[in-house]
């Protein structure tokens, strides 16, 4: 995918910031993430590599897209995978989430009504 000049660097920077944020919020140290990623991707992943993937000052190392599913599994966070979706796919994903939330709320409301009816009998 070729992006217009400036857009690619902003995309790369945003990706790196998100990668770093997910790592800091997942409850694992970067060393643990590297250790858990290694068998999942079939290559040795080091702390140094993870640090290189997240730096925003020297952006020569790039996180391989093939590692994203394993990274999401290890961290328990799908934000990186979602970040890579195009705008339409992100919109559809959000609509799906809203639909699920509405269905849950509807089920809870029905349960409360049924329970209230049982108490009034």
PDB file of N, CA and C in Angstrom:
ATOM      1  N   UNK A   1       0.849  -1.168   0.000  1.00  0.00           N
ATOM      2  CA  UNK A   1       0.000   0.000   0.000  1.00  0.00           C
ATOM      3  C   UNK A   1       0.894   1.229   0.000  1.00  0.00           C
ATOM      4  N   UNK A   2       0.735   2.085  -0.983  1.00  0.00           N
ATOM      5  CA  UNK A   2       1.486   3.319  -1.070  1.00  0.00           C
ATOM      6  C   UNK A   2       0.607   4.452  -0.564  1.00  0.00           C
ATOM      7  N   UNK A   3       1.137   5.184   0.387  1.00  0.00           N
ATOM      8  CA  UNK A   3       0.394   6.295   0.963  1.00  0.00           C
ATOM      9  C   UNK A   3       1.009   7.608   0.503  1.00  0.00           C
ATOM     10  N   UNK A   4       0.223   8.690   0.445  1.00  0.00           N
ATOM     11  CA  UNK A   4       0.770   9.991   0.066  1.00  0.00           C
ATOM     12  C   UNK A   4       1.887  10.421   1.020  1.00  0.00           C
ATOM     13  N   UNK A   5       2.796  11.214   0.509  1.00  0.00           N
ATOM     14  CA  UNK A   5       3.929  11.702   1.291  1.00  0.00           C
ATOM     15  C   UNK A   5       3.433  12.316   2.605  1.00  0.00           C
ATOM     16  N   UNK A   6       4.038  11.953   3.696  1.00  0.00           N
ATOM     17  CA  UNK A   6       3.657  12.464   5.004  1.00  0.00           C
ATOM     18  C   UNK A   6       2.634  11.582   5.703  1.00  0.00           C
ATOM     19  N   UNK A   7       1.719  11.000   4.934  1.00  0.00           N
ATOM     20  CA  UNK A   7       0.701  10.127   5.520  1.00  0.00           C
ATOM     21  C   UNK A   7       1.354   8.841   6.011  1.00  0.00           C
ATOM     22  N   UNK A   8       2.279   8.304   5.211  1.00  0.00           N
ATOM     23  CA  UNK A   8       2.951   7.058   5.591  1.00  0.00           C
ATOM     24  C   UNK A   8       3.711   7.229   6.896  1.00  0.00           C
ATOM     25  N   UNK A   9       4.414   8.340   7.050  1.00  0.00           N
ATOM     26  CA  UNK A   9       5.178   8.536   8.287  1.00  0.00           C
ATOM     27  C   UNK A   9       4.251   8.737   9.483  1.00  0.00           C
ATOM     28  N   UNK A  10       3.108   9.387   9.291  1.00  0.00           N
ATOM     29  CA  UNK A  10       2.154   9.564  10.391  1.00  0.00           C
ATOM     30  C   UNK A  10       1.512   8.230  10.748  1.00  0.00           C
ATOM     31  N   UNK A  11       1.210   7.411   9.733  1.00  0.00           N
ATOM     32  CA  UNK A  11       0.666   6.078   9.966  1.00  0.00           C
ATOM     33  C   UNK A  11       1.678   5.249  10.760  1.00  0.00           C
ATOM     34  N   UNK A  12       2.938   5.279  10.347  1.00  0.00           N
ATOM     35  CA  UNK A  12       3.999   4.517  11.020  1.00  0.00           C
ATOM     36  C   UNK A  12       4.150   4.984  12.466  1.00  0.00           C
ATOM     37  N   UNK A  13       4.171   6.286  12.659  1.00  0.00           N
ATOM     38  CA  UNK A  13       4.307   6.834  14.011  1.00  0.00           C
ATOM     39  C   UNK A  13       3.130   6.417  14.882  1.00  0.00           C
ATOM     40  N   UNK A  14       1.915   6.514  14.374  1.00  0.00           N
ATOM     41  CA  UNK A  14       0.715   6.141  15.129  1.00  0.00           C
ATOM     42  C   UNK A  14       0.730   4.654  15.467  1.00  0.00           C
ATOM     43  N   UNK A  15       1.178   3.835  14.526  1.00  0.00           N
ATOM     44  CA  UNK A  15       1.272   2.397  14.750  1.00  0.00           C
ATOM     45  C   UNK A  15       2.251   2.110  15.883  1.00  0.00           C
ATOM     46  N   UNK A  16       3.414   2.778  15.851  1.00  0.00           N
ATOM     47  CA  UNK A  16       4.440   2.581  16.880  1.00  0.00           C
ATOM     48  C   UNK A  16       3.937   3.013  18.263  1.00  0.00           C
ATOM     49  N   UNK A  17       3.244   4.131  18.305  1.00  0.00           N
ATOM     50  CA  UNK A  17       2.701   4.632  19.578  1.00  0.00           C
ATOM     51  C   UNK A  17       1.687   3.639  20.131  1.00  0.00           C
ATOM     52  N   UNK A  18       0.813   3.123  19.272  1.00  0.00           N
ATOM     53  CA  UNK A  18      -0.182   2.147  19.713  1.00  0.00           C
ATOM     54  C   UNK A  18       0.482   0.851  20.163  1.00  0.00           C
ATOM     55  N   UNK A  19       1.465   0.380  19.424  1.00  0.00           N
ATOM     56  CA  UNK A  19       2.206  -0.828  19.786  1.00  0.00           C
ATOM     57  C   UNK A  19       2.796  -0.673  21.189  1.00  0.00           C
ATOM     58  N   UNK A  20       3.408   0.457  21.444  1.00  0.00           N
ATOM     59  CA  UNK A  20       4.000   0.737  22.750  1.00  0.00           C
ATOM     60  C   UNK A  20       2.927   0.812  23.844  1.00  0.00           C
ATOM     61  N   UNK A  21       1.815   1.464  23.526  1.00  0.00           N
ATOM     62  CA  UNK A  21       0.729   1.610  24.503  1.00  0.00           C
ATOM     63  C   UNK A  21       0.156   0.249  24.884  1.00  0.00           C
ATOM     64  N   UNK A  22      -0.079  -0.598  23.895  1.00  0.00           N
ATOM     65  CA  UNK A  22      -0.626  -1.931  24.170  1.00  0.00           C
ATOM     66  C   UNK A  22       0.341  -2.706  25.060  1.00  0.00           C
ATOM     67  N   UNK A  23       1.636  -2.624  24.753  1.00  0.00           N
ATOM     68  CA  UNK A  23       2.628  -3.342  25.567  1.00  0.00           C
ATOM     69  C   UNK A  23       2.637  -2.836  27.004  1.00  0.00           C
ATOM     70  N   UNK A  24       2.514  -1.540  27.182  1.00  0.00           N
ATOM     71  CA  UNK A  24       2.574  -0.995  28.539  1.00  0.00           C
ATOM     72  C   UNK A  24       1.297  -1.279  29.334  1.00  0.00           C
ATOM     73  N   UNK A  25       0.181  -1.504  28.639  1.00  0.00           N
ATOM     74  CA  UNK A  25      -1.095  -1.706  29.330  1.00  0.00           C
ATOM     75  C   UNK A  25      -1.489  -3.174  29.499  1.00  0.00           C
ATOM     76  N   UNK A  26      -0.749  -4.098  28.901  1.00  0.00           N
ATOM     77  CA  UNK A  26      -1.195  -5.497  28.888  1.00  0.00           C
ATOM     78  C   UNK A  26      -0.855  -6.275  30.161  1.00  0.00           C
ATOM     79  N   UNK A  27      -0.040  -5.707  31.017  1.00  0.00           N
ATOM     80  CA  UNK A  27       0.296  -6.396  32.265  1.00  0.00           C
ATOM     81  C   UNK A  27       1.524  -7.286  32.178  1.00  0.00           C
ATOM     82  N   UNK A  28       2.166  -7.322  31.018  1.00  0.00           N
ATOM     83  CA  UNK A  28       3.400  -8.101  30.855  1.00  0.00           C
ATOM     84  C   UNK A  28       4.566  -7.150  30.623  1.00  0.00           C
ATOM     85  N   UNK A  29       5.729  -7.570  31.066  1.00  0.00           N
ATOM     86  CA  UNK A  29       6.930  -6.808  30.736  1.00  0.00           C
ATOM     87  C   UNK A  29       7.278  -7.084  29.280  1.00  0.00           C
ATOM     88  N   UNK A  30       7.991  -6.183  28.663  1.00  0.00           N
ATOM     89  CA  UNK A  30       8.373  -6.383  27.265  1.00  0.00           C
ATOM     90  C   UNK A  30       9.178  -7.666  27.071  1.00  0.00           C
ATOM     91  N   UNK A  31       9.985  -8.005  28.044  1.00  0.00           N
ATOM     92  CA  UNK A  31      10.762  -9.248  27.951  1.00  0.00           C
ATOM     93  C   UNK A  31       9.825 -10.449  27.873  1.00  0.00           C
ATOM     94  N   UNK A  32       8.754 -10.412  28.675  1.00  0.00           N
ATOM     95  CA  UNK A  32       7.781 -11.507  28.664  1.00  0.00           C
ATOM     96  C   UNK A  32       7.038 -11.568  27.332  1.00  0.00           C
ATOM     97  N   UNK A  33       6.716 -10.412  26.795  1.00  0.00           N
ATOM     98  CA  UNK A  33       6.048 -10.372  25.496  1.00  0.00           C
ATOM     99  C   UNK A  33       6.955 -11.002  24.441  1.00  0.00           C
ATOM    100  N   UNK A  34       8.227 -10.628  24.461  1.00  0.00           N
ATOM    101  CA  UNK A  34       9.188 -11.185  23.498  1.00  0.00           C
ATOM    102  C   UNK A  34       9.288 -12.703  23.643  1.00  0.00           C
ATOM    103  N   UNK A  35       9.364 -13.172  24.879  1.00  0.00           N
ATOM    104  CA  UNK A  35       9.464 -14.621  25.129  1.00  0.00           C
ATOM    105  C   UNK A  35       8.226 -15.361  24.626  1.00  0.00           C
ATOM    106  N   UNK A  36       7.063 -14.778  24.823  1.00  0.00           N
ATOM    107  CA  UNK A  36       5.819 -15.441  24.406  1.00  0.00           C
ATOM    108  C   UNK A  36       5.584 -15.350  22.898  1.00  0.00           C
ATOM    109  N   UNK A  37       6.082 -14.288  22.295  1.00  0.00           N
ATOM    110  CA  UNK A  37       5.945 -14.142  20.846  1.00  0.00           C
ATOM    111  C   UNK A  37       6.827 -15.126  20.080  1.00  0.00           C
ATOM    112  N   UNK A  38       8.022 -15.380  20.603  1.00  0.00           N
ATOM    113  CA  UNK A  38       9.011 -16.197  19.900  1.00  0.00           C
ATOM    114  C   UNK A  38       8.451 -17.513  19.367  1.00  0.00           C
ATOM    115  N   UNK A  39       7.852 -18.362  20.198  1.00  0.00           N
ATOM    116  CA  UNK A  39       7.351 -19.627  19.632  1.00  0.00           C
ATOM    117  C   UNK A  39       6.154 -19.438  18.697  1.00  0.00           C
ATOM    118  N   UNK A  40       5.395 -18.381  18.916  1.00  0.00           N
ATOM    119  CA  UNK A  40       4.199 -18.161  18.100  1.00  0.00           C
ATOM    120  C   UNK A  40       4.534 -17.704  16.684  1.00  0.00           C
ATOM    121  N   UNK A  41       5.637 -16.949  16.541  1.00  0.00           N
ATOM    122  CA  UNK A  41       6.011 -16.459  15.212  1.00  0.00           C
ATOM    123  C   UNK A  41       7.115 -17.303  14.574  1.00  0.00           C
ATOM    124  N   UNK A  42       7.707 -18.208  15.366  1.00  0.00           N
ATOM    125  CA  UNK A  42       8.736 -19.087  14.822  1.00  0.00           C
ATOM    126  C   UNK A  42      10.082 -18.433  14.613  1.00  0.00           C
ATOM    127  N   UNK A  43      10.307 -17.331  15.265  1.00  0.00           N
ATOM    128  CA  UNK A  43      11.592 -16.609  15.199  1.00  0.00           C
ATOM    129  C   UNK A  43      11.894 -16.024  16.564  1.00  0.00           C
ATOM    130  N   UNK A  44      13.166 -15.874  16.856  1.00  0.00           N
ATOM    131  CA  UNK A  44      13.542 -15.253  18.121  1.00  0.00           C
ATOM    132  C   UNK A  44      13.164 -13.776  18.101  1.00  0.00           C
ATOM    133  N   UNK A  45      12.405 -13.374  19.099  1.00  0.00           N
ATOM    134  CA  UNK A  45      12.039 -11.970  19.273  1.00  0.00           C
ATOM    135  C   UNK A  45      12.724 -11.506  20.544  1.00  0.00           C
ATOM    136  N   UNK A  46      13.406 -10.393  20.456  1.00  0.00           N
ATOM    137  CA  UNK A  46      14.163  -9.883  21.602  1.00  0.00           C
ATOM    138  C   UNK A  46      13.558  -8.580  22.120  1.00  0.00           C
ATOM    139  N   UNK A  47      13.931  -8.247  23.334  1.00  0.00           N
ATOM    140  CA  UNK A  47      13.528  -6.964  23.912  1.00  0.00           C
ATOM    141  C   UNK A  47      14.009  -5.825  23.020  1.00  0.00           C
ATOM    142  N   UNK A  48      15.223  -5.936  22.532  1.00  0.00           N
ATOM    143  CA  UNK A  48      15.788  -4.900  21.662  1.00  0.00           C
ATOM    144  C   UNK A  48      14.932  -4.697  20.410  1.00  0.00           C
ATOM    145  N   UNK A  49      14.456  -5.798  19.826  1.00  0.00           N
ATOM    146  CA  UNK A  49      13.593  -5.679  18.645  1.00  0.00           C
ATOM    147  C   UNK A  49      12.294  -4.964  18.989  1.00  0.00           C
ATOM    148  N   UNK A  50      11.678  -5.353  20.095  1.00  0.00           N
ATOM    149  CA  UNK A  50      10.428  -4.696  20.491  1.00  0.00           C
ATOM    150  C   UNK A  50      10.650  -3.203  20.703  1.00  0.00           C
ATOM    151  N   UNK A  51      11.762  -2.861  21.323  1.00  0.00           N
ATOM    152  CA  UNK A  51      12.075  -1.447  21.523  1.00  0.00           C
ATOM    153  C   UNK A  51      12.271  -0.734  20.187  1.00  0.00           C
ATOM    154  N   UNK A  52      12.945  -1.397  19.238  1.00  0.00           N
ATOM    155  CA  UNK A  52      13.144  -0.806  17.908  1.00  0.00           C
ATOM    156  C   UNK A  52      11.818  -0.605  17.178  1.00  0.00           C
ATOM    157  N   UNK A  53      10.888  -1.539  17.357  1.00  0.00           N
ATOM    158  CA  UNK A  53       9.591  -1.439  16.689  1.00  0.00           C
ATOM    159  C   UNK A  53       8.759  -0.286  17.225  1.00  0.00           C
ATOM    160  N   UNK A  54       9.036   0.150  18.447  1.00  0.00           N
ATOM    161  CA  UNK A  54       8.202   1.185  19.062  1.00  0.00           C
ATOM    162  C   UNK A  54       8.839   2.566  19.098  1.00  0.00           C
ATOM    163  N   UNK A  55      10.098   2.677  18.762  1.00  0.00           N
ATOM    164  CA  UNK A  55      10.731   3.996  18.818  1.00  0.00           C
ATOM    165  C   UNK A  55      10.159   4.918  17.747  1.00  0.00           C
ATOM    166  N   UNK A  56       9.960   6.171  18.080  1.00  0.00           N
ATOM    167  CA  UNK A  56       9.450   7.140  17.108  1.00  0.00           C
ATOM    168  C   UNK A  56      10.548   8.105  16.662  1.00  0.00           C
ATOM    169  N   UNK A  57      11.765   7.868  17.129  1.00  0.00           N
ATOM    170  CA  UNK A  57      12.857   8.750  16.727  1.00  0.00           C
ATOM    171  C   UNK A  57      13.695   8.164  15.597  1.00  0.00           C
ATOM    172  N   UNK A  58      13.879   6.861  15.603  1.00  0.00           N
ATOM    173  CA  UNK A  58      14.674   6.183  14.567  1.00  0.00           C
ATOM    174  C   UNK A  58      13.798   5.052  14.036  1.00  0.00           C
ATOM    175  N   UNK A  59      13.039   5.355  12.988  1.00  0.00           N
ATOM    176  CA  UNK A  59      11.992   4.437  12.561  1.00  0.00           C
ATOM    177  C   UNK A  59      12.441   3.538  11.408  1.00  0.00           C
ATOM    178  N   UNK A  60      13.549   2.831  11.595  1.00  0.00           N
ATOM    179  CA  UNK A  60      14.030   1.944  10.533  1.00  0.00           C
ATOM    180  C   UNK A  60      13.475   0.532  10.676  1.00  0.00           C
ATOM    181  N   UNK A  61      13.318   0.048  11.907  1.00  0.00           N
ATOM    182  CA  UNK A  61      12.767  -1.297  12.132  1.00  0.00           C
ATOM    183  C   UNK A  61      11.246  -1.218  12.084  1.00  0.00           C
ATOM    184  N   UNK A  62      10.637  -2.156  11.374  1.00  0.00           N
ATOM    185  CA  UNK A  62       9.179  -2.171  11.265  1.00  0.00           C
ATOM    186  C   UNK A  62       8.632  -3.488  11.792  1.00  0.00           C
ATOM    187  N   UNK A  63       7.559  -3.396  12.545  1.00  0.00           N
ATOM    188  CA  UNK A  63       6.899  -4.573  13.107  1.00  0.00           C
ATOM    189  C   UNK A  63       6.232  -5.336  11.962  1.00  0.00           C
ATOM    190  N   UNK A  64       6.583  -6.600  11.753  1.00  0.00           N
ATOM    191  CA  UNK A  64       5.998  -7.356  10.645  1.00  0.00           C
ATOM    192  C   UNK A  64       4.494  -7.595  10.824  1.00  0.00           C
ATOM    193  N   UNK A  65       3.747  -7.373   9.779  1.00  0.00           N
ATOM    194  CA  UNK A  65       2.297  -7.590   9.822  1.00  0.00           C
ATOM    195  C   UNK A  65       1.962  -9.026  10.185  1.00  0.00           C
ATOM    196  N   UNK A  66       2.813  -9.957   9.799  1.00  0.00           N
ATOM    197  CA  UNK A  66       2.573 -11.374  10.099  1.00  0.00           C
ATOM    198  C   UNK A  66       2.604 -11.653  11.604  1.00  0.00           C
ATOM    199  N   UNK A  67       3.188 -10.760  12.379  1.00  0.00           N
ATOM    200  CA  UNK A  67       3.269 -10.945  13.826  1.00  0.00           C
ATOM    201  C   UNK A  67       2.034 -10.423  14.559  1.00  0.00           C
ATOM    202  N   UNK A  68       1.200  -9.636  13.881  1.00  0.00           N
ATOM    203  CA  UNK A  68       0.076  -8.974  14.543  1.00  0.00           C
ATOM    204  C   UNK A  68      -0.868  -9.955  15.240  1.00  0.00           C
ATOM    205  N   UNK A  69      -1.312 -11.040  14.587  1.00  0.00           N
ATOM    206  CA  UNK A  69      -2.218 -11.956  15.294  1.00  0.00           C
ATOM    207  C   UNK A  69      -1.596 -12.545  16.570  1.00  0.00           C
ATOM    208  N   UNK A  70      -0.326 -12.939  16.504  1.00  0.00           N
ATOM    209  CA  UNK A  70       0.349 -13.491  17.679  1.00  0.00           C
ATOM    210  C   UNK A  70       0.500 -12.426  18.763  1.00  0.00           C
ATOM    211  N   UNK A  71       0.833 -11.208  18.368  1.00  0.00           N
ATOM    212  CA  UNK A  71       0.980 -10.110  19.322  1.00  0.00           C
ATOM    213  C   UNK A  71      -0.344  -9.865  20.043  1.00  0.00           C
ATOM    214  N   UNK A  72      -1.445  -9.837  19.277  1.00  0.00           N
ATOM    215  CA  UNK A  72      -2.761  -9.607  19.879  1.00  0.00           C
ATOM    216  C   UNK A  72      -3.114 -10.734  20.846  1.00  0.00           C
ATOM    217  N   UNK A  73      -2.763 -11.952  20.491  1.00  0.00           N
ATOM    218  CA  UNK A  73      -3.030 -13.094  21.363  1.00  0.00           C
ATOM    219  C   UNK A  73      -2.213 -12.998  22.650  1.00  0.00           C
ATOM    220  N   UNK A  74      -0.938 -12.676  22.520  1.00  0.00           N
ATOM    221  CA  UNK A  74      -0.049 -12.594  23.688  1.00  0.00           C
ATOM    222  C   UNK A  74      -0.482 -11.483  24.634  1.00  0.00           C
ATOM    223  N   UNK A  75      -0.846 -10.337  24.079  1.00  0.00           N
ATOM    224  CA  UNK A  75      -1.205  -9.189  24.921  1.00  0.00           C
ATOM    225  C   UNK A  75      -2.669  -9.207  25.346  1.00  0.00           C
ATOM    226  N   UNK A  76      -3.479 -10.018  24.666  1.00  0.00           N
ATOM    227  CA  UNK A  76      -4.904 -10.031  24.969  1.00  0.00           C
ATOM    228  C   UNK A  76      -5.607  -8.761  24.532  1.00  0.00           C
ATOM    229  N   UNK A  77      -5.075  -8.110  23.502  1.00  0.00           N
ATOM    230  CA  UNK A  77      -5.574  -6.807  23.068  1.00  0.00           C
ATOM    231  C   UNK A  77      -5.622  -6.789  21.537  1.00  0.00           C
ATOM    232  N   UNK A  78      -6.772  -6.481  20.977  1.00  0.00           N
ATOM    233  CA  UNK A  78      -6.940  -6.478  19.521  1.00  0.00           C
ATOM    234  C   UNK A  78      -6.809  -5.101  18.877  1.00  0.00           C
ATOM    235  N   UNK A  79      -6.426  -4.090  19.633  1.00  0.00           N
ATOM    236  CA  UNK A  79      -6.362  -2.741  19.054  1.00  0.00           C
ATOM    237  C   UNK A  79      -5.402  -2.635  17.871  1.00  0.00           C
ATOM    238  N   UNK A  80      -4.307  -3.374  17.905  1.00  0.00           N
ATOM    239  CA  UNK A  80      -3.350  -3.315  16.803  1.00  0.00           C
ATOM    240  C   UNK A  80      -3.970  -3.873  15.526  1.00  0.00           C
ATOM    241  N   UNK A  81      -4.658  -4.987  15.644  1.00  0.00           N
ATOM    242  CA  UNK A  81      -5.338  -5.592  14.493  1.00  0.00           C
ATOM    243  C   UNK A  81      -6.408  -4.632  13.964  1.00  0.00           C
ATOM    244  N   UNK A  82      -7.154  -4.012  14.862  1.00  0.00           N
ATOM    245  CA  UNK A  82      -8.208  -3.089  14.460  1.00  0.00           C
ATOM    246  C   UNK A  82      -7.637  -1.843  13.791  1.00  0.00           C
ATOM    247  N   UNK A  83      -6.477  -1.391  14.254  1.00  0.00           N
ATOM    248  CA  UNK A  83      -5.819  -0.226  13.682  1.00  0.00           C
ATOM    249  C   UNK A  83      -5.520  -0.441  12.197  1.00  0.00           C
ATOM    250  N   UNK A  84      -5.219  -1.682  11.836  1.00  0.00           N
ATOM    251  CA  UNK A  84      -4.844  -1.988  10.458  1.00  0.00           C
ATOM    252  C   UNK A  84      -6.039  -2.116   9.512  1.00  0.00           C
ATOM    253  N   UNK A  85      -7.248  -2.146  10.054  1.00  0.00           N
ATOM    254  CA  UNK A  85      -8.435  -2.228   9.207  1.00  0.00           C
ATOM    255  C   UNK A  85      -8.650  -0.918   8.449  1.00  0.00           C
ATOM    256  N   UNK A  86      -9.246  -1.009   7.272  1.00  0.00           N
ATOM    257  CA  UNK A  86      -9.572   0.218   6.561  1.00  0.00           C
ATOM    258  C   UNK A  86     -10.775   0.885   7.232  1.00  0.00           C
ATOM    259  N   UNK A  87     -11.070   2.092   6.822  1.00  0.00           N
ATOM    260  CA  UNK A  87     -12.121   2.884   7.471  1.00  0.00           C
ATOM    261  C   UNK A  87     -13.468   2.158   7.443  1.00  0.00           C
ATOM    262  N   UNK A  88     -13.828   1.577   6.307  1.00  0.00           N
ATOM    263  CA  UNK A  88     -15.109   0.889   6.189  1.00  0.00           C
ATOM    264  C   UNK A  88     -15.169  -0.308   7.132  1.00  0.00           C
ATOM    265  N   UNK A  89     -14.089  -1.077   7.200  1.00  0.00           N
ATOM    266  CA  UNK A  89     -14.062  -2.246   8.078  1.00  0.00           C
ATOM    267  C   UNK A  89     -14.147  -1.839   9.545  1.00  0.00           C
ATOM    268  N   UNK A  90     -13.468  -0.753   9.913  1.00  0.00           N
ATOM    269  CA  UNK A  90     -13.557  -0.261  11.300  1.00  0.00           C
ATOM    270  C   UNK A  90     -14.983   0.162  11.614  1.00  0.00           C
ATOM    271  N   UNK A  91     -15.635   0.807  10.646  1.00  0.00           N
ATOM    272  CA  UNK A  91     -17.021   1.242  10.835  1.00  0.00           C
ATOM    273  C   UNK A  91     -17.936   0.029  11.028  1.00  0.00           C
ATOM    274  N   UNK A  92     -17.760  -0.990  10.187  1.00  0.00           N
ATOM    275  CA  UNK A  92     -18.575  -2.203  10.310  1.00  0.00           C
ATOM    276  C   UNK A  92     -18.327  -2.900  11.642  1.00  0.00           C
ATOM    277  N   UNK A  93     -17.085  -2.935  12.076  1.00  0.00           N
ATOM    278  CA  UNK A  93     -16.755  -3.537  13.367  1.00  0.00           C
ATOM    279  C   UNK A  93     -17.458  -2.782  14.492  1.00  0.00           C
ATOM    280  N   UNK A  94     -17.432  -1.465  14.422  1.00  0.00           N
ATOM    281  CA  UNK A  94     -18.085  -0.649  15.448  1.00  0.00           C
ATOM    282  C   UNK A  94     -19.601  -0.876  15.435  1.00  0.00           C
ATOM    283  N   UNK A  95     -20.190  -0.970  14.254  1.00  0.00           N
ATOM    284  CA  UNK A  95     -21.628  -1.258  14.169  1.00  0.00           C
ATOM    285  C   UNK A  95     -21.940  -2.616  14.791  1.00  0.00           C
ATOM    286  N   UNK A  96     -21.094  -3.603  14.533  1.00  0.00           N
ATOM    287  CA  UNK A  96     -21.283  -4.920  15.136  1.00  0.00           C
ATOM    288  C   UNK A  96     -21.222  -4.863  16.650  1.00  0.00           C
ATOM    289  N   UNK A  97     -20.262  -4.107  17.180  1.00  0.00           N
ATOM    290  CA  UNK A  97     -20.148  -3.962  18.638  1.00  0.00           C
ATOM    291  C   UNK A  97     -21.400  -3.298  19.216  1.00  0.00           C
ATOM    292  N   UNK A  98     -21.876  -2.250  18.531  1.00  0.00           N
ATOM    293  CA  UNK A  98     -23.070  -1.552  19.003  1.00  0.00           C
ATOM    294  C   UNK A  98     -24.293  -2.467  18.971  1.00  0.00           C
ATOM    295  N   UNK A  99     -24.386  -3.286  17.937  1.00  0.00           N
ATOM    296  CA  UNK A  99     -25.496  -4.233  17.829  1.00  0.00           C
ATOM    297  C   UNK A  99     -25.455  -5.244  18.966  1.00  0.00           C
ATOM    298  N   UNK A 100     -24.267  -5.772  19.248  1.00  0.00           N
ATOM    299  CA  UNK A 100     -24.127  -6.721  20.361  1.00  0.00           C
ATOM    300  C   UNK A 100     -24.496  -6.072  21.691  1.00  0.00           C
ATOM    301  N   UNK A 101     -24.044  -4.836  21.895  1.00  0.00           N
ATOM    302  CA  UNK A 101     -24.381  -4.122  23.130  1.00  0.00           C
ATOM    303  C   UNK A 101     -25.892  -3.928  23.250  1.00  0.00           C
ATOM    304  N   UNK A 102     -26.544  -3.579  22.133  1.00  0.00           N
ATOM    305  CA  UNK A 102     -27.993  -3.375  22.147  1.00  0.00           C
ATOM    306  C   UNK A 102     -28.724  -4.684  22.435  1.00  0.00           C
ATOM    307  N   UNK A 103     -28.247  -5.777  21.865  1.00  0.00           N
ATOM    308  CA  UNK A 103     -28.861  -7.088  22.110  1.00  0.00           C
ATOM    309  C   UNK A 103     -28.702  -7.500  23.575  1.00  0.00           C
ATOM    310  N   UNK A 104     -27.533  -7.240  24.148  1.00  0.00           N
ATOM    311  CA  UNK A 104     -27.322  -7.549  25.572  1.00  0.00           C
ATOM    312  C   UNK A 104     -28.268  -6.734  26.444  1.00  0.00           C
ATOM    313  N   UNK A 105     -28.362  -5.446  26.137  1.00  0.00           N
ATOM    314  CA  UNK A 105     -29.248  -4.575  26.923  1.00  0.00           C
ATOM    315  C   UNK A 105     -30.699  -5.035  26.789  1.00  0.00           C
ATOM    316  N   UNK A 106     -31.092  -5.418  25.597  1.00  0.00           N
ATOM    317  CA  UNK A 106     -32.457  -5.913  25.360  1.00  0.00           C
ATOM    318  C   UNK A 106     -32.710  -7.185  26.175  1.00  0.00           C
ATOM    319  N   UNK A 107     -31.764  -8.109  26.162  1.00  0.00           N
ATOM    320  CA  UNK A 107     -31.905  -9.355  26.922  1.00  0.00           C
ATOM    321  C   UNK A 107     -32.024  -9.087  28.416  1.00  0.00           C
ATOM    322  N   UNK A 108     -31.197  -8.165  28.913  1.00  0.00           N
ATOM    323  CA  UNK A 108     -31.246  -7.817  30.339  1.00  0.00           C
ATOM    324  C   UNK A 108     -32.596  -7.202  30.693  1.00  0.00           C
ATOM    325  N   UNK A 109     -33.107  -6.343  29.820  1.00  0.00           N
ATOM    326  CA  UNK A 109     -34.394  -5.702  30.068  1.00  0.00           C
ATOM    327  C   UNK A 109     -35.518  -6.736  30.071  1.00  0.00           C
ATOM    328  N   UNK A 110     -35.490  -7.645  29.122  1.00  0.00           N
ATOM    329  CA  UNK A 110     -36.511  -8.704  29.067  1.00  0.00           C
ATOM    330  C   UNK A 110     -36.458  -9.547  30.335  1.00  0.00           C
ATOM    331  N   UNK A 111     -35.246  -9.887  30.776  1.00  0.00           N
ATOM    332  CA  UNK A 111     -35.090 -10.681  31.992  1.00  0.00           C
ATOM    333  C   UNK A 111     -35.672  -9.945  33.195  1.00  0.00           C
ATOM    334  N   UNK A 112     -35.409  -8.633  33.300  1.00  0.00           N
ATOM    335  CA  UNK A 112     -35.957  -7.851  34.412  1.00  0.00           C
ATOM    336  C   UNK A 112     -37.482  -7.822  34.367  1.00  0.00           C
ATOM    337  N   UNK A 113     -38.044  -7.695  33.167  1.00  0.00           N
ATOM    338  CA  UNK A 113     -39.500  -7.668  33.036  1.00  0.00           C
ATOM    339  C   UNK A 113     -40.096  -8.994  33.434  1.00  0.00           C
ATOM    340  N   UNK A 114     -39.476 -10.075  32.961  1.00  0.00           N
ATOM    341  CA  UNK A 114     -39.960 -11.421  33.309  1.00  0.00           C
ATOM    342  C   UNK A 114     -39.839 -11.640  34.815  1.00  0.00           C
ATOM    343  N   UNK A 115     -38.707 -11.270  35.402  1.00  0.00           N
ATOM    344  CA  UNK A 115     -38.509 -11.420  36.845  1.00  0.00           C
ATOM    345  C   UNK A 115     -39.513 -10.598  37.638  1.00  0.00           C
ATOM    346  N   UNK A 116     -39.798  -9.395  37.172  1.00  0.00           N
ATOM    347  CA  UNK A 116     -40.774  -8.525  37.848  1.00  0.00           C
ATOM    348  C   UNK A 116     -42.165  -9.138  37.753  1.00  0.00           C
ATOM    349  N   UNK A 117     -42.482  -9.763  36.634  1.00  0.00           N
ATOM    350  CA  UNK A 117     -43.770 -10.421  36.469  1.00  0.00           C
ATOM    351  C   UNK A 117     -43.923 -11.605  37.397  1.00  0.00           C
ATOM    352  N   UNK A 118     -42.826 -12.341  37.609  1.00  0.00           N
ATOM    353  CA  UNK A 118     -42.858 -13.494  38.515  1.00  0.00           C
ATOM    354  C   UNK A 118     -43.080 -13.045  39.947  1.00  0.00           C
ATOM    355  N   UNK A 119     -42.479 -11.907  40.321  1.00  0.00           N
ATOM    356  CA  UNK A 119     -42.621 -11.407  41.688  1.00  0.00           C
ATOM    357  C   UNK A 119     -44.032 -10.895  41.940  1.00  0.00           C
ATOM    358  N   UNK A 120     -44.668 -10.390  40.876  1.00  0.00           N
ATOM    359  CA  UNK A 120     -46.023  -9.848  41.034  1.00  0.00           C
ATOM    360  C   UNK A 120     -47.107 -10.915  41.014  1.00  0.00           C
ATOM    361  N   UNK A 121     -46.741 -12.131  40.679  1.00  0.00           N
ATOM    362  CA  UNK A 121     -47.750 -13.212  40.585  1.00  0.00           C
ATOM    363  C   UNK A 121     -48.146 -13.716  41.932  1.00  0.00           C
TER     364      UNK A 121
END
